[in-house]
Amino acid sequence: MLSRRGFLLTSALAAGAGAVPTGFAAEKSKDWGTVRRQFELDPNYIHLGLFFLASHPRPVREAIARYRQQLESNPLQTVERLVFGGPEEYVPTKVCNAIASYIGGSADDIALTQNTTTGLAVIYQGLPLKPGEEILTTTHDHFVHHEAIRLAAERSGATWRKVPLFDAYDSISADGMVERLRKAIRPETRVLGVTWVHSSSGLKLPLRSIADALAVVNRERTPERRVFFVVDGVHGLGVESPDIVAMGMDAFSAGTHKWIFGPRGTGFVWARPEVWSVMRPLMPSTSSAELFFAWAGGKPPDMPARATWFSPGGFQAFEHYWAVPTAFEFHRAIGPERITGRIHELNAQMREGLAKMPHVTLYTPRSKELSSGMVCFDVKGMTAQQTVQRLAERNRILASTTPYAVPYARVAFGIQNTPDEVEKTLAAIRSMA
């Protein structure tokens, strides 16, 4: 059994990922029309909700189909070879390497999850919290981020607290938000959890500045009392700079099935090795040699923990996980800088157009430094849902509402969209005056 399941080789994570052909040459990516045609989007609509759940580009669809066919033809041998085979074929390593090469980290520090929600649970439930300690977060984060914190606090006996980052949308500043977080940290604070890009407003946080401020706090603390910096990064991944590890957080959770256009039901957690080492796994993993050999030997695994211990094990939608590297290769073929520039250009065009309309309240900051790929607004005299319904019914523009206590209308322009679609959307909203 140990021989057959060669994935238990301790050298598995050292294996190289190898290039994953996408069938999408870099020269083709220079034309945004060609990029758009990689997606099988209904041409009868303007799609402004693709951040919610991505349409797979052609290379990702084809990769999923290839792996699915292998599974349909011979599921036993396919899984034995690609999941339980030797390090040269071990696909989870290739997935981790693809992610690591994009975010600027090490594959050894990545755990594979199903989505951002699962990743946040892995982080917060795994951190060594105890009674008398506190998790600090903001009032602006998503329901699942707050729930991950609440559940972890209840189980550990810790407490949690939310603070606002600003008083009004027209008074937001990077320095002001950083200072508010710094002042909110108390002696009992052990975790600071924030969201990179807020799906409630389109606001983008200055992560590097927050990390620098937190480093000053931690210099006055012992290692056992340092504050962990946790980030929900799903709406920044694939939009902003991919140099995520360099931004200074301790742990980062994101799904790949939004702005990365990855297979649905795939995500990851990256954390520093010293953070993984003090965490405790939430569920069994089948990605670690240490865990299996310890079980086979009838003893607990030797500590410290590492990232592979935190990838949920068991049988999954393998064809989706195995196609994740293709999504990152697709991004690389286009160029992360070009993608960032294109998304910012389109959304800036939308923000500036809305800002000129007296019957519209714009909530997303107009500056590039504090905004990203979403634009949130209200039309006077209409609810957010009425605005979205009117765009869909009269103009075939698919927008969304923000799922928060106070909802806003929301649009998001990605690389599948065009400047003409921005103008058509502005015209539709202008007609609502």
Protein backbone atom coordinates (compact mmCIF):
# COMPACT_ATOMS: atom_id res chain seq x y z
CA MET A 1 0.00 0.00 0.00
CA LEU A 2 2.77 2.44 0.88
CA SER A 3 4.52 1.67 -2.39
CA ARG A 4 1.37 2.07 -4.46
CA ARG A 5 0.54 5.40 -2.88
CA GLY A 6 3.76 7.03 -3.85
CA PHE A 7 2.35 10.44 -3.04
CA LEU A 8 3.61 9.79 0.45
CA LEU A 9 7.17 10.38 -0.66
CA THR A 10 8.47 13.27 1.37
CA SER A 11 10.05 14.75 -1.73
CA ALA A 12 6.68 15.26 -3.42
CA LEU A 13 6.41 18.97 -2.74
CA ALA A 14 9.85 19.57 -4.15
CA ALA A 15 8.79 18.38 -7.58
CA GLY A 16 8.68 20.98 -10.34
CA ALA A 17 5.35 22.06 -11.69
CA GLY A 18 6.25 22.08 -15.34
CA ALA A 19 4.62 24.34 -17.89
CA VAL A 20 0.95 23.77 -18.58
CA PRO A 21 0.13 24.49 -22.23
CA THR A 22 -2.92 26.71 -22.57
CA GLY A 23 -3.27 26.78 -26.36
CA PHE A 24 -3.44 30.56 -25.97
CA ALA A 25 -0.22 32.10 -27.26
CA ALA A 26 0.98 35.37 -25.80
CA GLU A 27 0.78 37.14 -29.16
CA LYS A 28 -2.97 36.46 -29.32
CA SER A 29 -3.49 38.21 -26.00
CA LYS A 30 -2.47 41.57 -27.49
CA ASP A 31 -5.96 41.90 -28.95
CA TRP A 32 -8.68 42.28 -26.31
CA GLY A 33 -11.26 41.05 -28.80
CA THR A 34 -9.37 37.77 -29.08
CA VAL A 35 -9.28 37.55 -25.29
CA ARG A 36 -13.03 38.12 -25.13
CA ARG A 37 -13.65 35.30 -27.61
CA GLN A 38 -11.98 32.82 -25.26
CA PHE A 39 -15.15 33.02 -23.13
CA GLU A 40 -18.49 31.53 -24.22
CA LEU A 41 -20.49 34.46 -22.90
CA ASP A 42 -23.99 35.10 -24.19
CA PRO A 43 -23.51 37.98 -26.67
CA ASN A 44 -27.02 39.27 -26.00
CA TYR A 45 -25.96 40.66 -22.63
CA ILE A 46 -23.38 43.00 -21.17
CA HIS A 47 -21.87 40.89 -18.39
CA LEU A 48 -20.90 42.95 -15.35
CA GLY A 49 -21.16 40.27 -12.68
CA LEU A 50 -18.36 37.93 -13.74
CA PHE A 51 -16.47 38.58 -10.49
CA PHE A 52 -19.26 36.60 -8.79
CA LEU A 53 -18.48 33.37 -10.62
CA ALA A 54 -16.22 33.27 -13.63
CA SER A 55 -16.98 32.02 -17.08
CA HIS A 56 -14.13 29.66 -17.94
CA PRO A 57 -11.90 30.74 -20.83
CA ARG A 58 -11.32 28.20 -23.58
CA PRO A 59 -7.98 26.85 -22.27
CA VAL A 60 -9.49 26.17 -18.84
CA ARG A 61 -12.59 24.53 -20.35
CA GLU A 62 -10.38 22.31 -22.50
CA ALA A 63 -8.13 21.35 -19.58
CA ILE A 64 -11.15 20.38 -17.47
CA ALA A 65 -12.57 18.37 -20.37
CA ARG A 66 -9.27 16.51 -20.92
CA TYR A 67 -9.00 15.51 -17.29
CA ARG A 68 -12.69 14.63 -17.11
CA GLN A 69 -12.33 12.32 -20.10
CA GLN A 70 -9.43 10.54 -18.44
CA LEU A 71 -11.52 10.06 -15.32
CA GLU A 72 -14.51 8.83 -17.29
CA SER A 73 -12.38 6.38 -19.27
CA ASN A 74 -10.34 4.98 -16.38
CA PRO A 75 -11.05 6.59 -12.99
CA LEU A 76 -8.99 4.15 -10.90
CA GLN A 77 -5.73 4.41 -12.80
CA THR A 78 -6.12 8.13 -13.46
CA VAL A 79 -6.48 8.95 -9.76
CA GLU A 80 -3.79 6.45 -8.78
CA ARG A 81 -1.37 8.08 -11.21
CA LEU A 82 -2.15 11.78 -10.74
CA VAL A 83 -3.09 11.89 -7.05
CA PHE A 84 -1.37 8.84 -5.57
CA GLY A 85 1.50 8.53 -8.04
CA GLY A 86 5.14 9.52 -7.80
CA PRO A 87 6.35 13.12 -7.45
CA GLU A 88 6.85 13.57 -11.18
CA GLU A 89 3.08 13.17 -11.79
CA TYR A 90 1.67 14.40 -8.47
CA VAL A 91 -0.81 17.05 -9.62
CA PRO A 92 -1.41 18.84 -6.27
CA THR A 93 2.26 19.84 -6.34
CA LYS A 94 1.84 21.29 -9.81
CA VAL A 95 -1.20 23.25 -8.66
CA CYS A 96 0.66 24.66 -5.65
CA ASN A 97 3.65 25.56 -7.81
CA ALA A 98 1.43 27.38 -10.30
CA ILE A 99 -0.17 29.44 -7.54
CA ALA A 100 3.15 30.11 -5.82
CA SER A 101 4.84 31.29 -9.00
CA TYR A 102 1.99 33.78 -9.50
CA ILE A 103 1.80 35.23 -5.97
CA GLY A 104 5.55 35.21 -5.38
CA GLY A 105 5.72 32.62 -2.62
CA SER A 106 6.71 29.02 -2.07
CA ALA A 107 4.56 26.01 -2.96
CA ASP A 108 5.45 24.59 0.46
CA ASP A 109 3.37 27.35 2.07
CA ILE A 110 0.13 26.75 0.14
CA ALA A 111 -2.89 24.67 1.18
CA LEU A 112 -5.53 23.90 -1.43
CA THR A 113 -9.16 24.63 -0.54
CA GLN A 114 -12.51 24.84 -2.31
CA ASN A 115 -13.06 28.60 -1.98
CA THR A 116 -12.37 31.70 0.10
CA THR A 117 -14.93 30.67 2.70
CA THR A 118 -13.23 27.34 3.38
CA GLY A 119 -9.86 29.06 3.44
CA LEU A 120 -10.93 31.60 6.04
CA ALA A 121 -12.29 28.78 8.22
CA VAL A 122 -8.99 26.89 7.88
CA ILE A 123 -7.09 29.99 9.03
CA TYR A 124 -9.24 31.21 11.91
CA GLN A 125 -10.05 27.76 13.28
CA GLY A 126 -6.38 26.83 13.06
CA LEU A 127 -4.89 29.82 14.86
CA PRO A 128 -3.87 29.23 18.50
CA LEU A 129 -6.47 31.45 20.15
CA LYS A 130 -7.57 31.16 23.76
CA PRO A 131 -9.81 32.90 26.31
CA GLY A 132 -8.77 36.47 27.01
CA GLU A 133 -7.52 37.03 23.45
CA GLU A 134 -9.25 38.97 20.68
CA ILE A 135 -9.76 38.99 16.92
CA LEU A 136 -10.07 42.50 15.48
CA THR A 137 -11.85 43.07 12.16
CA THR A 138 -13.86 45.79 10.43
CA THR A 139 -17.54 46.52 9.97
CA HIS A 140 -17.17 46.31 6.18
CA ASP A 141 -16.23 42.66 5.68
CA HIS A 142 -18.36 39.97 4.07
CA PHE A 143 -20.74 37.73 6.00
CA VAL A 144 -18.53 34.64 5.62
CA HIS A 145 -15.48 36.48 6.95
CA HIS A 146 -17.37 37.59 10.02
CA GLU A 147 -18.86 34.12 10.44
CA ALA A 148 -15.45 32.46 10.21
CA ILE A 149 -14.29 34.78 12.99
CA ARG A 150 -17.39 34.28 15.12
CA LEU A 151 -17.24 30.50 14.94
CA ALA A 152 -13.52 30.43 15.76
CA ALA A 153 -14.03 32.81 18.68
CA GLU A 154 -16.85 30.71 20.10
CA ARG A 155 -14.82 27.51 19.94
CA SER A 156 -11.63 29.01 21.36
CA GLY A 157 -13.18 31.21 24.01
CA ALA A 158 -11.67 34.31 22.43
CA THR A 159 -13.63 37.47 21.68
CA TRP A 160 -13.97 39.51 18.51
CA ARG A 161 -14.60 43.14 17.71
CA LYS A 162 -15.51 45.17 14.60
CA VAL A 163 -14.41 48.75 13.92
CA PRO A 164 -15.32 51.10 11.04
CA LEU A 165 -12.50 52.23 8.76
CA PHE A 166 -14.13 55.55 7.89
CA ASP A 167 -17.11 57.73 8.77
CA ALA A 168 -18.31 58.52 5.25
CA TYR A 169 -17.44 57.37 1.74
CA ASP A 170 -16.40 60.88 0.71
CA SER A 171 -13.83 61.06 3.51
CA ILE A 172 -11.88 57.84 2.95
CA SER A 173 -8.09 58.05 2.99
CA ALA A 174 -5.39 55.39 3.10
CA ASP A 175 -3.59 56.99 6.05
CA GLY A 176 -6.86 57.43 7.91
CA MET A 177 -7.78 53.75 7.59
CA VAL A 178 -4.33 52.59 8.67
CA GLU A 179 -4.39 54.89 11.68
CA ARG A 180 -7.84 53.68 12.75
CA LEU A 181 -6.70 50.08 12.70
CA ARG A 182 -3.50 50.90 14.58
CA LYS A 183 -5.42 52.71 17.31
CA ALA A 184 -7.98 49.90 17.56
CA ILE A 185 -5.35 47.30 18.50
CA ARG A 186 -5.44 46.43 22.20
CA PRO A 187 -3.07 44.37 24.36
CA GLU A 188 -5.40 41.37 24.01
CA THR A 189 -5.61 41.62 20.19
CA ARG A 190 -4.00 38.57 18.56
CA VAL A 191 -5.46 38.68 15.04
CA LEU A 192 -6.29 41.47 12.62
CA GLY A 193 -8.57 40.31 9.79
CA VAL A 194 -9.36 42.53 6.80
CA THR A 195 -10.57 42.32 3.21
CA TRP A 196 -8.31 43.48 0.38
CA VAL A 197 -11.08 44.70 -1.95
CA HIS A 198 -14.50 45.25 -0.40
CA SER A 199 -17.38 43.74 -2.36
CA SER A 200 -19.65 46.10 -0.41
CA SER A 201 -18.23 49.28 -1.94
CA GLY A 202 -15.30 48.52 -4.26
CA LEU A 203 -12.86 50.05 -1.76
CA LYS A 204 -9.30 48.68 -1.92
CA LEU A 205 -7.26 48.63 1.29
CA PRO A 206 -3.55 49.60 1.46
CA LEU A 207 -2.34 46.21 2.65
CA ARG A 208 1.36 47.05 2.66
CA SER A 209 0.79 50.12 4.83
CA ILE A 210 -1.37 48.14 7.24
CA ALA A 211 1.30 45.45 7.46
CA ASP A 212 3.98 48.07 8.15
CA ALA A 213 1.90 49.62 10.93
CA LEU A 214 1.30 46.18 12.42
CA ALA A 215 5.02 45.40 12.29
CA VAL A 216 5.66 48.39 14.56
CA VAL A 217 3.12 47.02 17.04
CA ASN A 218 4.65 43.54 16.91
CA ARG A 219 8.17 44.83 17.58
CA GLU A 220 6.96 45.68 21.08
CA ARG A 221 5.57 42.17 21.65
CA THR A 222 7.01 38.76 22.33
CA PRO A 223 6.61 36.17 19.52
CA GLU A 224 3.87 34.46 21.53
CA ARG A 225 1.85 37.69 21.68
CA ARG A 226 2.34 39.00 18.14
CA VAL A 227 -0.71 40.03 16.10
CA PHE A 228 -1.44 37.85 13.06
CA PHE A 229 -2.49 39.67 9.88
CA VAL A 230 -5.17 37.73 7.95
CA VAL A 231 -6.49 38.85 4.54
CA ASP A 232 -9.53 37.85 2.49
CA GLY A 233 -8.03 38.56 -0.92
CA VAL A 234 -10.43 37.06 -3.44
CA HIS A 235 -11.40 40.33 -5.19
CA GLY A 236 -7.82 41.51 -5.48
CA LEU A 237 -6.36 38.25 -6.80
CA GLY A 238 -6.28 38.46 -10.58
CA VAL A 239 -6.96 42.21 -10.60
CA GLU A 240 -4.16 43.83 -8.63
CA SER A 241 -0.42 43.14 -8.58
CA PRO A 242 0.26 39.41 -8.17
CA ASP A 243 3.14 40.14 -5.76
CA ILE A 244 0.86 39.20 -2.88
CA VAL A 245 3.39 37.64 -0.53
CA ALA A 246 5.42 40.87 -0.61
CA MET A 247 2.48 42.82 0.84
CA GLY A 248 3.29 41.66 4.35
CA MET A 249 0.29 39.67 5.54
CA ASP A 250 0.62 36.46 7.58
CA ALA A 251 -2.19 34.49 5.93
CA PHE A 252 -4.14 34.99 2.71
CA SER A 253 -7.29 33.22 1.50
CA ALA A 254 -8.82 33.38 -1.99
CA GLY A 255 -10.85 31.38 -4.46
CA THR A 256 -9.55 31.06 -8.00
CA HIS A 257 -12.99 30.92 -9.65
CA LYS A 258 -13.54 34.67 -9.78
CA TRP A 259 -11.01 37.10 -11.28
CA ILE A 260 -8.46 34.34 -12.03
CA PHE A 261 -11.10 32.53 -14.19
CA GLY A 262 -10.10 29.26 -12.54
CA PRO A 263 -12.21 26.10 -12.30
CA ARG A 264 -15.23 26.42 -10.06
CA GLY A 265 -14.80 25.11 -6.54
CA THR A 266 -11.06 25.78 -6.26
CA GLY A 267 -9.11 28.07 -3.94
CA PHE A 268 -6.10 28.23 -1.68
CA VAL A 269 -4.59 29.57 1.52
CA TRP A 270 -1.07 30.95 1.64
CA ALA A 271 0.55 31.52 5.03
CA ARG A 272 4.03 32.06 6.35
CA PRO A 273 5.76 28.83 7.49
CA GLU A 274 5.99 30.16 11.04
CA VAL A 275 2.22 30.69 11.01
CA TRP A 276 1.44 27.19 9.72
CA SER A 277 3.75 25.80 12.41
CA VAL A 278 1.57 27.10 15.27
CA MET A 279 -1.78 26.27 13.66
CA ARG A 280 -3.90 23.15 14.10
CA PRO A 281 -5.64 21.44 11.14
CA LEU A 282 -9.41 21.62 10.90
CA MET A 283 -9.98 18.40 8.93
CA PRO A 284 -8.07 15.34 7.66
CA SER A 285 -5.67 15.81 4.76
CA THR A 286 -4.39 13.26 2.24
CA SER A 287 -1.64 15.53 0.95
CA SER A 288 1.01 14.87 3.59
CA ALA A 289 3.52 12.06 3.97
CA GLU A 290 4.04 12.87 7.65
CA LEU A 291 0.38 12.45 8.52
CA PHE A 292 -0.02 9.11 6.76
CA PHE A 293 3.17 7.59 8.13
CA ALA A 294 2.31 8.75 11.64
CA TRP A 295 -1.12 7.12 11.35
CA ALA A 296 0.38 3.94 9.92
CA GLY A 297 2.82 3.85 12.82
CA GLY A 298 0.12 4.37 15.41
CA LYS A 299 1.47 7.68 16.71
CA PRO A 300 0.69 11.38 16.37
CA PRO A 301 2.59 13.31 13.69
CA ASP A 302 5.75 15.14 14.59
CA MET A 303 5.18 18.86 14.94
CA PRO A 304 5.38 21.54 13.71
CA ALA A 305 2.49 21.60 11.25
CA ARG A 306 2.94 22.66 7.65
CA ALA A 307 0.71 23.78 4.81
CA THR A 308 0.04 20.31 3.36
CA TRP A 309 -1.64 19.31 6.62
CA PHE A 310 -4.40 21.84 5.94
CA SER A 311 -5.54 20.87 2.43
CA PRO A 312 -8.90 19.12 2.91
CA GLY A 313 -8.51 15.50 1.86
CA GLY A 314 -10.83 12.97 0.30
CA PHE A 315 -12.23 12.58 -3.18
CA GLN A 316 -13.10 15.86 -4.90
CA ALA A 317 -13.82 17.33 -8.33
CA PHE A 318 -10.35 16.32 -9.46
CA GLU A 319 -10.70 17.57 -13.03
CA HIS A 320 -11.31 21.08 -11.68
CA TYR A 321 -8.35 21.09 -9.29
CA TRP A 322 -6.02 19.69 -11.92
CA ALA A 323 -6.95 22.47 -14.37
CA VAL A 324 -6.05 25.29 -11.96
CA PRO A 325 -2.52 25.77 -13.39
CA THR A 326 -4.05 26.44 -16.81
CA ALA A 327 -5.95 29.44 -15.42
CA PHE A 328 -2.72 30.95 -14.08
CA GLU A 329 -0.98 30.23 -17.38
CA PHE A 330 -3.81 32.05 -19.17
CA HIS A 331 -3.18 35.10 -16.99
CA ARG A 332 0.54 34.89 -17.62
CA ALA A 333 0.01 34.72 -21.38
CA ILE A 334 -1.96 37.97 -21.29
CA GLY A 335 0.29 39.61 -18.72
CA PRO A 336 -0.76 40.53 -15.15
CA GLU A 337 0.26 44.16 -15.65
CA ARG A 338 -1.87 44.42 -18.80
CA ILE A 339 -4.81 42.84 -17.01
CA THR A 340 -4.49 45.24 -14.08
CA GLY A 341 -4.23 48.21 -16.43
CA ARG A 342 -7.23 47.16 -18.48
CA ILE A 343 -9.49 46.55 -15.48
CA HIS A 344 -8.52 49.84 -13.85
CA GLU A 345 -9.03 51.73 -17.11
CA LEU A 346 -12.56 50.40 -17.64
CA ASN A 347 -13.69 50.88 -14.06
CA ALA A 348 -12.18 54.38 -13.87
CA GLN A 349 -14.17 55.25 -17.00
CA MET A 350 -17.30 54.03 -15.20
CA ARG A 351 -16.55 55.89 -11.95
CA GLU A 352 -15.84 59.17 -13.70
CA GLY A 353 -19.02 58.88 -15.74
CA LEU A 354 -21.16 58.20 -12.69
CA ALA A 355 -19.53 61.03 -10.73
CA LYS A 356 -20.90 63.51 -13.28
CA MET A 357 -24.51 62.40 -12.79
CA PRO A 358 -26.40 64.42 -10.14
CA HIS A 359 -28.96 61.66 -9.66
CA VAL A 360 -26.27 59.08 -8.74
CA THR A 361 -24.41 58.60 -5.45
CA LEU A 362 -21.01 56.98 -6.04
CA TYR A 363 -19.57 54.98 -3.14
CA THR A 364 -16.39 53.60 -4.69
CA PRO A 365 -13.38 55.92 -4.29
CA ARG A 366 -12.36 57.54 -7.56
CA SER A 367 -8.62 57.18 -6.96
CA LYS A 368 -6.74 54.21 -8.41
CA GLU A 369 -5.00 53.65 -5.08
CA LEU A 370 -8.28 53.02 -3.23
CA SER A 371 -10.34 51.29 -5.93
CA SER A 372 -10.12 48.14 -8.00
CA GLY A 373 -12.47 46.18 -10.28
CA MET A 374 -15.89 47.10 -8.85
CA VAL A 375 -18.04 50.22 -8.87
CA CYS A 376 -20.86 50.64 -6.34
CA PHE A 377 -23.53 53.32 -6.52
CA ASP A 378 -27.16 54.30 -5.91
CA VAL A 379 -29.66 55.96 -8.23
CA LYS A 380 -31.80 58.49 -6.36
CA GLY A 381 -35.40 57.43 -5.97
CA MET A 382 -34.62 53.77 -6.69
CA THR A 383 -33.53 50.85 -4.55
CA ALA A 384 -30.42 48.94 -5.52
CA GLN A 385 -32.56 46.00 -6.62
CA GLN A 386 -34.77 48.24 -8.77
CA THR A 387 -31.69 49.69 -10.46
CA VAL A 388 -30.29 46.26 -11.23
CA GLN A 389 -33.62 44.95 -12.48
CA ARG A 390 -34.09 47.92 -14.79
CA LEU A 391 -30.61 47.49 -16.25
CA ALA A 392 -31.35 43.85 -16.97
CA GLU A 393 -34.89 44.21 -18.29
CA ARG A 394 -34.49 47.32 -20.44
CA ASN A 395 -30.84 47.19 -21.42
CA ARG A 396 -29.72 43.56 -21.03
CA ILE A 397 -26.99 44.70 -18.67
CA LEU A 398 -26.30 42.16 -15.92
CA ALA A 399 -25.30 43.99 -12.75
CA SER A 400 -25.71 42.91 -9.12
CA THR A 401 -26.52 44.24 -5.67
CA THR A 402 -24.11 44.12 -2.76
CA PRO A 403 -25.22 41.42 -0.26
CA TYR A 404 -24.87 43.55 2.86
CA ALA A 405 -27.19 45.18 5.41
CA VAL A 406 -27.28 48.31 3.24
CA PRO A 407 -27.18 47.15 -0.42
CA TYR A 408 -25.89 49.18 -3.35
CA ALA A 409 -26.03 48.61 -7.08
CA ARG A 410 -22.75 47.15 -8.32
CA VAL A 411 -21.01 46.71 -11.67
CA ALA A 412 -17.61 45.20 -12.38
CA PHE A 413 -15.73 45.51 -15.66
CA GLY A 414 -13.16 42.82 -16.42
CA ILE A 415 -10.98 41.94 -19.39
CA GLN A 416 -14.04 40.44 -21.10
CA ASN A 417 -15.62 43.92 -21.30
CA THR A 418 -15.04 46.91 -23.56
CA PRO A 419 -15.05 50.73 -23.30
CA ASP A 420 -18.18 50.71 -25.47
CA GLU A 421 -19.95 48.56 -22.88
CA VAL A 422 -18.98 51.09 -20.22
CA GLU A 423 -20.56 53.87 -22.27
CA LYS A 424 -23.73 51.84 -22.87
CA THR A 425 -24.02 51.19 -19.14
CA LEU A 426 -23.51 54.87 -18.34
CA ALA A 427 -26.16 55.82 -20.88
CA ALA A 428 -28.62 53.38 -19.31
CA ILE A 429 -28.04 54.82 -15.85
CA ARG A 430 -28.18 58.37 -17.19
CA SER A 431 -31.66 57.62 -18.55
CA MET A 432 -32.85 56.81 -15.01
CA ALA A 433 -32.65 60.48 -13.97
